[in-house]
Amino acid sequence: MISRAASAFALLLLAAPFAGLVMLTDWAHFDLAKADIQAVGVSVAFGLGALAVIAAIGTPLALWLATAKGRLRNAAQFFLLLPLLTPPLALGILLAAFYGPIGPLGALLSRFGVIITNDPPALLIAGIYAGLPTYVVAARTAFAEISPDLAESALTLGVNRRQIFWFITLPMARDGLAAALALAWVRGVGELGIVLIFAYFPQGMPIRLWVNLEDSGLDATFPLLWIFLLAALPLPLWLLRRGAKH
């Protein structure tokens, strides 16, 4: 009885802010400013771009971490966890210090007229750093659940490792990889701390919500907040429900 009451209280506690949003939204005057609409486009476009890069470079890394052993793997996991555990605001400062005009890479690029700070390349980099560690950790778990005996058996039948990856490993890890991508999407599209320091422009939804809050108060954020939630949450919620049925 106590556990049921505690569970009910916890669920109500978690659902309450969302119920509050429904009640407080002025549906009769629900409207998005032009800058809000532009922010939606920026977040979706750069979020998808970052997700493509994350999948391309993160999938091989996750597979290697799931199958490799030794000190090199342990070192790789350490460097994977560094950005994952670093507070976003601190990570934004680190990115600005490295890629910005005063940083080692930024100073080199500035000689060729390339400045990476508060511009589209910076926003793309911010999305990659925000989502890549989350994706690799989740994807590594998906690959680790596949028995290595399957690959060994396929090798004895004359199947090469590339074919094993595309036709055995990838299909078996599909659901886990999809969930990993969903988590990376939410992490990247919702990131504020990094972009606040390193990629303020062009303004995506998190920055625009911050600006609306500062300029016009809490009520002014609700229309864009709804779009923000609708862009970020449906995919991971659907994947979570789908995974629970298996």
Protein backbone atom coordinates (compact mmCIF):
# COMPACT_ATOMS: atom_id res chain seq x y z
CA MET A 1 0.00 0.00 0.00
CA ILE A 2 2.82 2.41 0.90
CA SER A 3 4.71 1.58 -2.30
CA ARG A 4 1.59 2.25 -4.40
CA ALA A 5 1.02 5.59 -2.72
CA ALA A 6 4.68 6.55 -3.20
CA SER A 7 4.53 5.49 -6.85
CA ALA A 8 1.36 7.50 -7.45
CA PHE A 9 2.89 10.55 -5.80
CA ALA A 10 6.05 10.24 -7.90
CA LEU A 11 4.02 9.98 -11.12
CA LEU A 12 1.88 12.98 -10.17
CA LEU A 13 5.01 14.93 -9.32
CA LEU A 14 6.51 14.20 -12.72
CA ALA A 15 3.31 14.91 -14.67
CA ALA A 16 2.38 18.11 -12.82
CA PRO A 17 4.55 20.59 -14.81
CA PHE A 18 3.16 19.30 -18.11
CA ALA A 19 -0.39 19.56 -16.82
CA GLY A 20 0.44 23.07 -15.68
CA LEU A 21 1.61 23.97 -19.18
CA VAL A 22 -1.70 22.80 -20.63
CA MET A 23 -3.66 24.90 -18.15
CA LEU A 24 -1.52 28.03 -18.38
CA THR A 25 -1.23 28.23 -22.18
CA ASP A 26 -3.40 30.97 -23.67
CA TRP A 27 -4.89 28.87 -26.46
CA ALA A 28 -7.02 31.75 -27.76
CA HIS A 29 -3.87 33.74 -28.57
CA PHE A 30 -1.50 30.89 -29.40
CA ASP A 31 0.93 32.41 -31.88
CA LEU A 32 4.56 32.15 -32.89
CA ALA A 33 6.64 35.19 -33.68
CA LYS A 34 8.69 35.21 -36.87
CA ALA A 35 11.89 34.75 -34.86
CA ASP A 36 10.34 31.72 -33.12
CA ILE A 37 9.52 30.09 -36.46
CA GLN A 38 13.05 30.73 -37.66
CA ALA A 39 14.39 29.18 -34.45
CA VAL A 40 12.36 26.02 -35.11
CA GLY A 41 13.89 25.72 -38.57
CA VAL A 42 17.39 26.31 -37.23
CA SER A 43 17.04 23.67 -34.50
CA VAL A 44 15.58 21.04 -36.81
CA ALA A 45 18.06 21.63 -39.64
CA PHE A 46 21.18 21.73 -37.52
CA GLY A 47 19.88 18.99 -35.23
CA LEU A 48 19.46 16.64 -38.18
CA GLY A 49 22.86 17.63 -39.54
CA ALA A 50 24.53 16.91 -36.21
CA LEU A 51 22.64 13.62 -35.95
CA ALA A 52 23.95 12.50 -39.34
CA VAL A 53 27.53 13.19 -38.26
CA ILE A 54 26.93 11.48 -34.92
CA ALA A 55 25.62 8.33 -36.59
CA ALA A 56 28.47 8.27 -39.12
CA ILE A 57 31.34 8.59 -36.65
CA GLY A 58 29.69 7.28 -33.49
CA THR A 59 28.50 3.91 -34.80
CA PRO A 60 31.97 2.53 -35.64
CA LEU A 61 33.27 3.81 -32.30
CA ALA A 62 30.40 2.19 -30.39
CA LEU A 63 30.95 -1.12 -32.18
CA TRP A 64 34.66 -1.05 -31.41
CA LEU A 65 34.04 -0.22 -27.73
CA ALA A 66 31.56 -3.10 -27.51
CA THR A 67 33.95 -5.68 -28.93
CA ALA A 68 37.49 -4.51 -28.12
CA LYS A 69 39.48 -5.15 -24.96
CA GLY A 70 42.60 -3.76 -23.34
CA ARG A 71 44.05 -0.46 -22.22
CA LEU A 72 43.31 1.37 -25.45
CA ARG A 73 39.61 0.64 -25.06
CA ASN A 74 39.70 1.80 -21.44
CA ALA A 75 41.40 5.03 -22.48
CA ALA A 76 38.82 5.57 -25.21
CA GLN A 77 35.98 5.11 -22.73
CA PHE A 78 37.60 7.69 -20.45
CA PHE A 79 37.68 10.30 -23.21
CA LEU A 80 34.10 9.37 -24.14
CA LEU A 81 32.90 10.00 -20.60
CA LEU A 82 34.73 13.34 -20.27
CA PRO A 83 32.29 15.40 -22.39
CA LEU A 84 29.34 13.32 -21.18
CA LEU A 85 30.02 14.15 -17.52
CA THR A 86 31.26 17.71 -18.01
CA PRO A 87 28.56 20.29 -17.15
CA PRO A 88 27.22 21.80 -20.42
CA LEU A 89 28.16 25.36 -19.49
CA ALA A 90 31.74 24.28 -18.80
CA LEU A 91 31.83 22.31 -22.05
CA GLY A 92 30.67 25.40 -23.93
CA ILE A 93 33.58 27.36 -22.45
CA LEU A 94 35.99 24.58 -23.41
CA LEU A 95 34.71 24.56 -27.00
CA ALA A 96 34.96 28.34 -27.23
CA ALA A 97 38.49 28.18 -25.85
CA PHE A 98 39.56 25.52 -28.37
CA TYR A 99 37.64 26.40 -31.54
CA GLY A 100 37.35 30.16 -30.93
CA PRO A 101 39.78 32.78 -32.25
CA ILE A 102 42.04 32.55 -29.19
CA GLY A 103 42.15 28.74 -29.17
CA PRO A 104 44.84 26.53 -30.73
CA LEU A 105 42.63 25.33 -33.59
CA GLY A 106 40.70 28.57 -33.84
CA ALA A 107 43.84 30.65 -34.15
CA LEU A 108 45.07 28.41 -36.94
CA LEU A 109 41.76 28.58 -38.81
CA SER A 110 41.54 32.35 -38.37
CA ARG A 111 44.67 32.69 -40.51
CA PHE A 112 42.54 31.40 -43.39
CA GLY A 113 39.62 33.65 -42.54
CA VAL A 114 37.62 30.94 -40.78
CA ILE A 115 36.08 31.92 -37.45
CA ILE A 116 34.14 29.29 -35.51
CA THR A 117 32.12 30.96 -32.81
CA ASN A 118 28.49 32.12 -32.72
CA ASP A 119 27.92 30.99 -36.31
CA PRO A 120 26.46 27.96 -38.16
CA PRO A 121 29.62 25.79 -37.91
CA ALA A 122 29.73 26.44 -34.16
CA LEU A 123 26.08 25.40 -33.78
CA LEU A 124 26.75 22.18 -35.68
CA ILE A 125 29.80 21.42 -33.53
CA ALA A 126 27.79 22.16 -30.38
CA GLY A 127 25.13 19.65 -31.45
CA ILE A 128 27.74 17.01 -32.14
CA TYR A 129 29.43 17.43 -28.77
CA ALA A 130 26.06 17.44 -27.01
CA GLY A 131 24.75 14.27 -28.65
CA LEU A 132 27.74 12.13 -29.63
CA PRO A 133 28.74 10.80 -26.18
CA THR A 134 25.12 9.91 -25.36
CA TYR A 135 24.72 8.11 -28.68
CA VAL A 136 27.96 6.14 -28.36
CA VAL A 137 27.19 4.97 -24.82
CA ALA A 138 23.70 3.78 -25.79
CA ALA A 139 24.83 2.27 -29.10
CA ARG A 140 27.70 0.44 -27.38
CA THR A 141 25.16 -1.27 -25.12
CA ALA A 142 23.10 -2.30 -28.16
CA PHE A 143 26.14 -3.85 -29.85
CA ALA A 144 27.35 -5.51 -26.64
CA GLU A 145 24.08 -7.46 -26.35
CA ILE A 146 24.81 -9.31 -29.60
CA SER A 147 26.56 -12.62 -29.06
CA PRO A 148 30.07 -12.67 -30.63
CA ASP A 149 29.46 -16.31 -31.53
CA LEU A 150 27.20 -15.16 -34.39
CA ALA A 151 30.04 -13.31 -36.07
CA GLU A 152 32.44 -16.19 -35.54
CA SER A 153 29.98 -18.64 -37.07
CA ALA A 154 29.45 -16.36 -40.05
CA LEU A 155 33.22 -16.11 -40.61
CA THR A 156 33.50 -19.89 -40.80
CA LEU A 157 30.86 -19.83 -43.55
CA GLY A 158 32.95 -17.44 -45.66
CA VAL A 159 31.12 -14.21 -44.83
CA ASN A 160 33.48 -11.23 -44.53
CA ARG A 161 33.36 -8.75 -41.65
CA ARG A 162 31.77 -5.98 -43.71
CA GLN A 163 28.91 -8.26 -44.65
CA ILE A 164 28.59 -9.37 -41.02
CA PHE A 165 28.22 -5.75 -39.96
CA TRP A 166 25.64 -4.79 -42.58
CA PHE A 167 23.55 -7.96 -42.64
CA ILE A 168 23.88 -9.39 -39.12
CA THR A 169 25.16 -6.91 -36.55
CA LEU A 170 23.34 -3.79 -37.74
CA PRO A 171 19.89 -5.43 -38.11
CA MET A 172 20.17 -7.06 -34.69
CA ALA A 173 21.17 -3.78 -33.05
CA ARG A 174 18.60 -1.73 -34.97
CA ASP A 175 16.21 -1.01 -32.12
CA GLY A 176 19.01 -0.10 -29.73
CA LEU A 177 20.64 2.16 -32.30
CA ALA A 178 17.33 3.88 -33.00
CA ALA A 179 16.90 4.52 -29.29
CA ALA A 180 20.47 5.85 -29.13
CA LEU A 181 19.75 8.24 -32.00
CA ALA A 182 16.58 9.40 -30.28
CA LEU A 183 18.49 10.15 -27.09
CA ALA A 184 21.17 12.00 -29.05
CA TRP A 185 18.46 14.00 -30.83
CA VAL A 186 16.88 15.12 -27.57
CA ARG A 187 20.27 15.90 -26.07
CA GLY A 188 21.41 17.90 -29.09
CA VAL A 189 18.26 19.81 -29.99
CA GLY A 190 17.62 20.72 -26.36
CA GLU A 191 21.12 21.87 -25.44
CA LEU A 192 21.32 25.35 -23.94
CA GLY A 193 24.50 25.49 -21.86
CA ILE A 194 26.92 24.81 -24.73
CA VAL A 195 25.20 27.01 -27.31
CA LEU A 196 24.76 29.87 -24.84
CA ILE A 197 28.55 30.22 -24.69
CA PHE A 198 29.75 28.89 -28.02
CA ALA A 199 26.93 29.09 -30.59
CA TYR A 200 24.47 31.83 -29.63
CA PHE A 201 23.81 32.58 -33.30
CA PRO A 202 21.97 31.43 -35.32
CA GLN A 203 19.37 31.15 -32.59
CA GLY A 204 17.74 27.75 -32.20
CA MET A 205 14.78 26.95 -29.98
CA PRO A 206 16.65 26.75 -26.65
CA ILE A 207 18.25 30.18 -27.12
CA ARG A 208 15.01 31.67 -28.42
CA LEU A 209 13.14 30.36 -25.38
CA TRP A 210 15.77 31.98 -23.18
CA VAL A 211 15.44 35.29 -25.04
CA ASN A 212 11.64 35.21 -24.83
CA LEU A 213 11.84 34.51 -21.11
CA GLU A 214 14.27 37.35 -20.49
CA ASP A 215 12.46 39.87 -22.68
CA SER A 216 8.78 39.11 -22.13
CA GLY A 217 8.39 36.78 -19.17
CA LEU A 218 7.30 33.21 -18.66
CA ASP A 219 3.99 33.42 -20.55
CA ALA A 220 5.79 34.43 -23.74
CA THR A 221 7.68 31.14 -23.88
CA PHE A 222 4.65 28.81 -23.97
CA PRO A 223 3.90 28.73 -27.74
CA LEU A 224 7.50 27.97 -28.70
CA LEU A 225 7.82 25.60 -25.75
CA TRP A 226 4.99 23.50 -27.18
CA ILE A 227 6.76 23.26 -30.54
CA PHE A 228 10.00 22.48 -28.74
CA LEU A 229 8.43 19.58 -26.85
CA LEU A 230 6.68 18.29 -29.97
CA ALA A 231 9.99 18.31 -31.85
CA ALA A 232 12.00 16.63 -29.10
CA LEU A 233 9.79 14.10 -27.31
CA PRO A 234 7.59 12.00 -29.65
CA LEU A 235 10.38 9.89 -31.19
CA PRO A 236 12.06 8.78 -27.93
CA LEU A 237 8.67 8.21 -26.27
CA TRP A 238 7.55 6.01 -29.16
CA LEU A 239 10.80 4.05 -29.12
CA LEU A 240 10.55 3.59 -25.36
CA ARG A 241 7.03 2.21 -25.68
CA ARG A 242 8.06 0.02 -28.61
CA GLY A 243 10.99 -1.37 -26.65
CA ALA A 244 8.77 -2.11 -23.65
CA LYS A 245 6.59 -4.36 -25.82
CA HIS A 246 9.53 -6.61 -26.78
